[in-house]
C-alpha atoms as a PDB file:
ATOM      1  CA  UNK A   1      -2.749  29.386  16.037  1.00  0.00           C
ATOM      2  CA  UNK A   2      -0.661  31.527  13.683  1.00  0.00           C
ATOM      3  CA  UNK A   3      -1.239  31.575   9.934  1.00  0.00           C
ATOM      4  CA  UNK A   4       1.643  32.251   7.588  1.00  0.00           C
ATOM      5  CA  UNK A   5       1.180  32.729   3.849  1.00  0.00           C
ATOM      6  CA  UNK A   6       4.290  31.517   2.065  1.00  0.00           C
ATOM      7  CA  UNK A   7       4.664  31.038  -1.691  1.00  0.00           C
ATOM      8  CA  UNK A   8       0.901  30.830  -2.091  1.00  0.00           C
ATOM      9  CA  UNK A   9       0.715  27.931   0.373  1.00  0.00           C
ATOM     10  CA  UNK A  10      -1.080  28.367   3.644  1.00  0.00           C
ATOM     11  CA  UNK A  11       0.760  26.726   6.552  1.00  0.00           C
ATOM     12  CA  UNK A  12      -0.462  26.735  10.104  1.00  0.00           C
ATOM     13  CA  UNK A  13       1.810  26.782  13.117  1.00  0.00           C
ATOM     14  CA  UNK A  14       0.320  25.863  16.467  1.00  0.00           C
ATOM     15  CA  UNK A  15       1.821  24.500  19.655  1.00  0.00           C
ATOM     16  CA  UNK A  16       1.161  21.217  21.379  1.00  0.00           C
ATOM     17  CA  UNK A  17       2.264  20.075  24.819  1.00  0.00           C
ATOM     18  CA  UNK A  18       3.570  16.502  24.736  1.00  0.00           C
ATOM     19  CA  UNK A  19       4.418  16.323  28.387  1.00  0.00           C
ATOM     20  CA  UNK A  20       4.439  18.673  31.342  1.00  0.00           C
ATOM     21  CA  UNK A  21       7.853  20.132  30.470  1.00  0.00           C
ATOM     22  CA  UNK A  22       7.955  20.722  26.703  1.00  0.00           C
ATOM     23  CA  UNK A  23       5.914  22.661  24.184  1.00  0.00           C
ATOM     24  CA  UNK A  24       6.601  22.095  20.510  1.00  0.00           C
ATOM     25  CA  UNK A  25       5.152  23.411  17.269  1.00  0.00           C
ATOM     26  CA  UNK A  26       2.925  21.485  14.947  1.00  0.00           C
ATOM     27  CA  UNK A  27       2.892  22.409  11.266  1.00  0.00           C
ATOM     28  CA  UNK A  28       0.337  21.468   8.670  1.00  0.00           C
ATOM     29  CA  UNK A  29       0.373  21.530   4.902  1.00  0.00           C
ATOM     30  CA  UNK A  30      -2.286  20.561   2.409  1.00  0.00           C
ATOM     31  CA  UNK A  31      -2.272  16.807   3.155  1.00  0.00           C
ATOM     32  CA  UNK A  32       0.224  16.402   5.990  1.00  0.00           C
ATOM     33  CA  UNK A  33       0.741  17.169   9.684  1.00  0.00           C
ATOM     34  CA  UNK A  34       4.273  17.683  11.064  1.00  0.00           C
ATOM     35  CA  UNK A  35       4.879  17.145  14.771  1.00  0.00           C
ATOM     36  CA  UNK A  36       8.250  17.528  16.477  1.00  0.00           C
ATOM     37  CA  UNK A  37       9.652  14.126  17.391  1.00  0.00           C
ATOM     38  CA  UNK A  38       8.837  12.973  20.886  1.00  0.00           C
ATOM     39  CA  UNK A  39       9.044   9.689  22.804  1.00  0.00           C
ATOM     40  CA  UNK A  40       5.689   8.476  21.450  1.00  0.00           C
ATOM     41  CA  UNK A  41       7.165   8.501  17.908  1.00  0.00           C
ATOM     42  CA  UNK A  42       9.901   6.001  18.786  1.00  0.00           C
ATOM     43  CA  UNK A  43       8.456   2.967  16.973  1.00  0.00           C
ATOM     44  CA  UNK A  44       7.802   4.949  13.777  1.00  0.00           C
ATOM     45  CA  UNK A  45      11.290   6.486  13.722  1.00  0.00           C
ATOM     46  CA  UNK A  46      12.964   3.147  14.435  1.00  0.00           C
ATOM     47  CA  UNK A  47      11.030   1.448  11.623  1.00  0.00           C
ATOM     48  CA  UNK A  48      12.031   4.281   9.271  1.00  0.00           C
ATOM     49  CA  UNK A  49      15.755   4.172  10.155  1.00  0.00           C
ATOM     50  CA  UNK A  50      15.918   0.380   9.885  1.00  0.00           C
ATOM     51  CA  UNK A  51      14.015   0.228   6.571  1.00  0.00           C
ATOM     52  CA  UNK A  52      16.400  -0.912   3.838  1.00  0.00           C
ATOM     53  CA  UNK A  53      14.507   0.731   0.965  1.00  0.00           C
ATOM     54  CA  UNK A  54      14.351   4.086   2.735  1.00  0.00           C
ATOM     55  CA  UNK A  55      17.932   4.165   3.913  1.00  0.00           C
ATOM     56  CA  UNK A  56      19.315   2.931   0.580  1.00  0.00           C
ATOM     57  CA  UNK A  57      18.411   6.379  -0.740  1.00  0.00           C
ATOM     58  CA  UNK A  58      19.831   8.260   2.234  1.00  0.00           C
ATOM     59  CA  UNK A  59      22.919   6.586   3.674  1.00  0.00           C
ATOM     60  CA  UNK A  60      23.133   3.547   1.420  1.00  0.00           C
ATOM     61  CA  UNK A  61      22.125   1.039   4.113  1.00  0.00           C
ATOM     62  CA  UNK A  62      19.678   0.720   7.004  1.00  0.00           C
ATOM     63  CA  UNK A  63      20.739   1.298  10.572  1.00  0.00           C
ATOM     64  CA  UNK A  64      20.966  -1.671  12.909  1.00  0.00           C
ATOM     65  CA  UNK A  65      18.281  -1.549  15.641  1.00  0.00           C
ATOM     66  CA  UNK A  66      20.810  -0.456  18.286  1.00  0.00           C
ATOM     67  CA  UNK A  67      22.090   2.315  15.971  1.00  0.00           C
ATOM     68  CA  UNK A  68      18.509   3.441  15.323  1.00  0.00           C
ATOM     69  CA  UNK A  69      17.881   3.674  19.081  1.00  0.00           C
ATOM     70  CA  UNK A  70      20.966   5.864  19.500  1.00  0.00           C
ATOM     71  CA  UNK A  71      19.938   8.025  16.533  1.00  0.00           C
ATOM     72  CA  UNK A  72      16.442   8.508  17.950  1.00  0.00           C
ATOM     73  CA  UNK A  73      17.880   9.509  21.335  1.00  0.00           C
ATOM     74  CA  UNK A  74      20.037  12.141  19.618  1.00  0.00           C
ATOM     75  CA  UNK A  75      17.006  13.391  17.680  1.00  0.00           C
ATOM     76  CA  UNK A  76      15.089  13.916  20.919  1.00  0.00           C
ATOM     77  CA  UNK A  77      18.063  15.727  22.508  1.00  0.00           C
ATOM     78  CA  UNK A  78      18.719  17.974  19.508  1.00  0.00           C
ATOM     79  CA  UNK A  79      15.046  18.901  19.244  1.00  0.00           C
ATOM     80  CA  UNK A  80      15.354  20.909  22.451  1.00  0.00           C
ATOM     81  CA  UNK A  81      17.826  23.406  20.923  1.00  0.00           C
ATOM     82  CA  UNK A  82      15.137  25.630  19.386  1.00  0.00           C
ATOM     83  CA  UNK A  83      11.334  25.310  19.315  1.00  0.00           C
ATOM     84  CA  UNK A  84      11.266  24.888  15.528  1.00  0.00           C
ATOM     85  CA  UNK A  85      14.451  22.898  14.870  1.00  0.00           C
ATOM     86  CA  UNK A  86      14.740  19.154  14.880  1.00  0.00           C
ATOM     87  CA  UNK A  87      13.042  16.192  13.276  1.00  0.00           C
ATOM     88  CA  UNK A  88       9.320  15.987  12.652  1.00  0.00           C
ATOM     89  CA  UNK A  89       7.099  12.915  12.478  1.00  0.00           C
ATOM     90  CA  UNK A  90       5.019  13.446   9.356  1.00  0.00           C
ATOM     91  CA  UNK A  91       1.534  11.966   9.164  1.00  0.00           C
ATOM     92  CA  UNK A  92      -1.398  12.059   6.775  1.00  0.00           C
ATOM     93  CA  UNK A  93      -4.016  14.559   7.897  1.00  0.00           C
ATOM     94  CA  UNK A  94      -6.884  12.256   6.994  1.00  0.00           C
ATOM     95  CA  UNK A  95      -5.766   9.058   8.695  1.00  0.00           C
ATOM     96  CA  UNK A  96      -2.841   9.930  10.968  1.00  0.00           C
ATOM     97  CA  UNK A  97      -0.716   7.306   9.194  1.00  0.00           C
ATOM     98  CA  UNK A  98       3.027   7.835   9.579  1.00  0.00           C
ATOM     99  CA  UNK A  99       4.521   8.639   6.157  1.00  0.00           C
ATOM    100  CA  UNK A 100       8.045   9.730   7.035  1.00  0.00           C
ATOM    101  CA  UNK A 101      10.369  12.240   8.626  1.00  0.00           C
ATOM    102  CA  UNK A 102      11.044  15.907   7.914  1.00  0.00           C
ATOM    103  CA  UNK A 103      14.036  17.733   9.330  1.00  0.00           C
ATOM    104  CA  UNK A 104      14.768  21.407   9.955  1.00  0.00           C
ATOM    105  CA  UNK A 105      18.047  22.274  11.692  1.00  0.00           C
ATOM    106  CA  UNK A 106      20.303  25.314  11.952  1.00  0.00           C
ATOM    107  CA  UNK A 107      23.658  24.639  10.308  1.00  0.00           C
ATOM    108  CA  UNK A 108      25.412  27.938  11.052  1.00  0.00           C
ATOM    109  CA  UNK A 109      24.804  31.677  11.133  1.00  0.00           C
ATOM    110  CA  UNK A 110      21.771  32.272   8.901  1.00  0.00           C
ATOM    111  CA  UNK A 111      21.671  28.846   7.212  1.00  0.00           C
ATOM    112  CA  UNK A 112      19.277  25.986   7.959  1.00  0.00           C
ATOM    113  CA  UNK A 113      19.086  22.477   6.521  1.00  0.00           C
ATOM    114  CA  UNK A 114      15.765  21.063   5.379  1.00  0.00           C
ATOM    115  CA  UNK A 115      15.388  17.337   4.923  1.00  0.00           C
ATOM    116  CA  UNK A 116      12.639  14.893   4.061  1.00  0.00           C
ATOM    117  CA  UNK A 117      12.200  11.157   3.677  1.00  0.00           C
ATOM    118  CA  UNK A 118       9.250   8.889   3.086  1.00  0.00           C
ATOM    119  CA  UNK A 119       8.328   5.276   3.628  1.00  0.00           C
ATOM    120  CA  UNK A 120       8.103   3.403   0.281  1.00  0.00           C
ATOM    121  CA  UNK A 121       4.274   3.225   0.073  1.00  0.00           C
ATOM    122  CA  UNK A 122       4.230   7.040  -0.089  1.00  0.00           C
ATOM    123  CA  UNK A 123       6.871   7.516  -2.816  1.00  0.00           C
ATOM    124  CA  UNK A 124       5.840   9.153  -6.086  1.00  0.00           C
ATOM    125  CA  UNK A 125       2.749  10.905  -4.679  1.00  0.00           C
ATOM    126  CA  UNK A 126       4.139  14.410  -4.203  1.00  0.00           C
ATOM    127  CA  UNK A 127       4.594  14.108  -0.440  1.00  0.00           C
ATOM    128  CA  UNK A 128       8.352  14.835  -0.522  1.00  0.00           C
ATOM    129  CA  UNK A 129       7.688  18.079  -2.395  1.00  0.00           C
ATOM    130  CA  UNK A 130       4.979  18.998   0.096  1.00  0.00           C
ATOM    131  CA  UNK A 131       7.321  18.248   3.008  1.00  0.00           C
ATOM    132  CA  UNK A 132      10.085  20.395   1.549  1.00  0.00           C
ATOM    133  CA  UNK A 133       7.622  23.222   0.876  1.00  0.00           C
ATOM    134  CA  UNK A 134       6.571  23.096   4.537  1.00  0.00           C
ATOM    135  CA  UNK A 135      10.196  23.252   5.732  1.00  0.00           C
ATOM    136  CA  UNK A 136      10.846  26.226   3.412  1.00  0.00           C
ATOM    137  CA  UNK A 137       7.702  27.913   4.734  1.00  0.00           C
ATOM    138  CA  UNK A 138       8.980  27.327   8.270  1.00  0.00           C
ATOM    139  CA  UNK A 139      12.351  28.868   7.340  1.00  0.00           C
ATOM    140  CA  UNK A 140      10.595  31.933   5.978  1.00  0.00           C
ATOM    141  CA  UNK A 141       8.854  32.514   9.318  1.00  0.00           C
ATOM    142  CA  UNK A 142      12.255  32.826  11.020  1.00  0.00           C
ATOM    143  CA  UNK A 143      13.877  36.156  10.141  1.00  0.00           C
ATOM    144  CA  UNK A 144      17.358  34.910  11.063  1.00  0.00           C
ATOM    145  CA  UNK A 145      17.304  32.326   8.242  1.00  0.00           C
ATOM    146  CA  UNK A 146      18.529  33.614   4.869  1.00  0.00           C
ATOM    147  CA  UNK A 147      19.401  30.314   3.186  1.00  0.00           C
ATOM    148  CA  UNK A 148      18.133  26.727   3.232  1.00  0.00           C
ATOM    149  CA  UNK A 149      20.434  23.837   2.363  1.00  0.00           C
ATOM    150  CA  UNK A 150      19.372  20.441   1.055  1.00  0.00           C
ATOM    151  CA  UNK A 151      21.809  17.514   1.269  1.00  0.00           C
ATOM    152  CA  UNK A 152      21.157  14.363  -0.732  1.00  0.00           C
ATOM    153  CA  UNK A 153      22.668  11.024  -1.677  1.00  0.00           C
ATOM    154  CA  UNK A 154      23.628  11.512  -5.371  1.00  0.00           C
ATOM    155  CA  UNK A 155      22.055   8.174  -6.341  1.00  0.00           C
ATOM    156  CA  UNK A 156      18.650   9.485  -5.248  1.00  0.00           C
ATOM    157  CA  UNK A 157      17.494  11.218  -8.442  1.00  0.00           C
ATOM    158  CA  UNK A 158      13.961  11.657  -7.086  1.00  0.00           C
ATOM    159  CA  UNK A 159      15.252  13.677  -4.133  1.00  0.00           C
ATOM    160  CA  UNK A 160      17.403  15.811  -6.431  1.00  0.00           C
ATOM    161  CA  UNK A 161      14.316  16.531  -8.543  1.00  0.00           C
ATOM    162  CA  UNK A 162      12.375  17.600  -5.438  1.00  0.00           C
ATOM    163  CA  UNK A 163      15.096  20.136  -4.607  1.00  0.00           C
ATOM    164  CA  UNK A 164      15.392  21.430  -8.162  1.00  0.00           C
ATOM    165  CA  UNK A 165      11.615  21.825  -8.443  1.00  0.00           C
ATOM    166  CA  UNK A 166      11.785  24.164  -5.432  1.00  0.00           C
ATOM    167  CA  UNK A 167      14.545  26.245  -7.101  1.00  0.00           C
ATOM    168  CA  UNK A 168      17.448  24.895  -5.052  1.00  0.00           C
ATOM    169  CA  UNK A 169      20.794  25.377  -6.802  1.00  0.00           C
ATOM    170  CA  UNK A 170      23.570  22.778  -6.843  1.00  0.00           C
ATOM    171  CA  UNK A 171      26.600  23.856  -4.765  1.00  0.00           C
ATOM    172  CA  UNK A 172      29.025  20.962  -4.428  1.00  0.00           C
ATOM    173  CA  UNK A 173      29.616  17.247  -3.996  1.00  0.00           C
ATOM    174  CA  UNK A 174      31.835  15.926  -1.226  1.00  0.00           C
ATOM    175  CA  UNK A 175      32.508  13.128   1.228  1.00  0.00           C
ATOM    176  CA  UNK A 176      30.866  13.666   4.589  1.00  0.00           C
ATOM    177  CA  UNK A 177      30.724  11.184   7.468  1.00  0.00           C
ATOM    178  CA  UNK A 178      31.770   8.336   5.146  1.00  0.00           C
ATOM    179  CA  UNK A 179      29.081   9.215   2.582  1.00  0.00           C
ATOM    180  CA  UNK A 180      29.314  11.009  -0.723  1.00  0.00           C
ATOM    181  CA  UNK A 181      26.681  13.754  -0.764  1.00  0.00           C
ATOM    182  CA  UNK A 182      25.485  16.661  -2.887  1.00  0.00           C
ATOM    183  CA  UNK A 183      24.698  20.088  -1.451  1.00  0.00           C
ATOM    184  CA  UNK A 184      21.990  22.365  -2.829  1.00  0.00           C
ATOM    185  CA  UNK A 185      20.926  25.791  -1.570  1.00  0.00           C
ATOM    186  CA  UNK A 186      17.922  28.060  -1.729  1.00  0.00           C
ATOM    187  CA  UNK A 187      18.346  31.751  -0.897  1.00  0.00           C
ATOM    188  CA  UNK A 188      15.342  33.249   0.848  1.00  0.00           C
END
């Protein structure tokens, strides 16, 4: 297990083997455990992507079950690109309850995107901030990353506040994949 001290937060990175072919990292923060998405997370991810309240704040509408299946398949495929990139199932340390999804992907060159999203029962409890802090801590362990980008739906004021609290700076608003989004960046 490797310990990394980042911004006064202690994050642990260890590896877990989910099957005989793949080894992925597990991250922990104060109250949460982050595990790279794998087949056993299917039901949780599908319930998250088809949840109207969750997706209203991300894409404006939930995915249909068939769309969610396709999305989950792409998540599993993209998670193989790098040991630390991809989507993470986020669970409470104490109970193992699924609270949401965190994302860490390379965008280009030395830039990564960090994302986070919670199920409604976990809103307003500081978990989104903790998730973003963990993704920033992960970025800081990778010397090739110099900047972290956050992309949000402009109607989601809570998500904007999470980014601003972590010193992200507004960059631009634009249409992307049929959605209007705002870009924020954090230089490391």
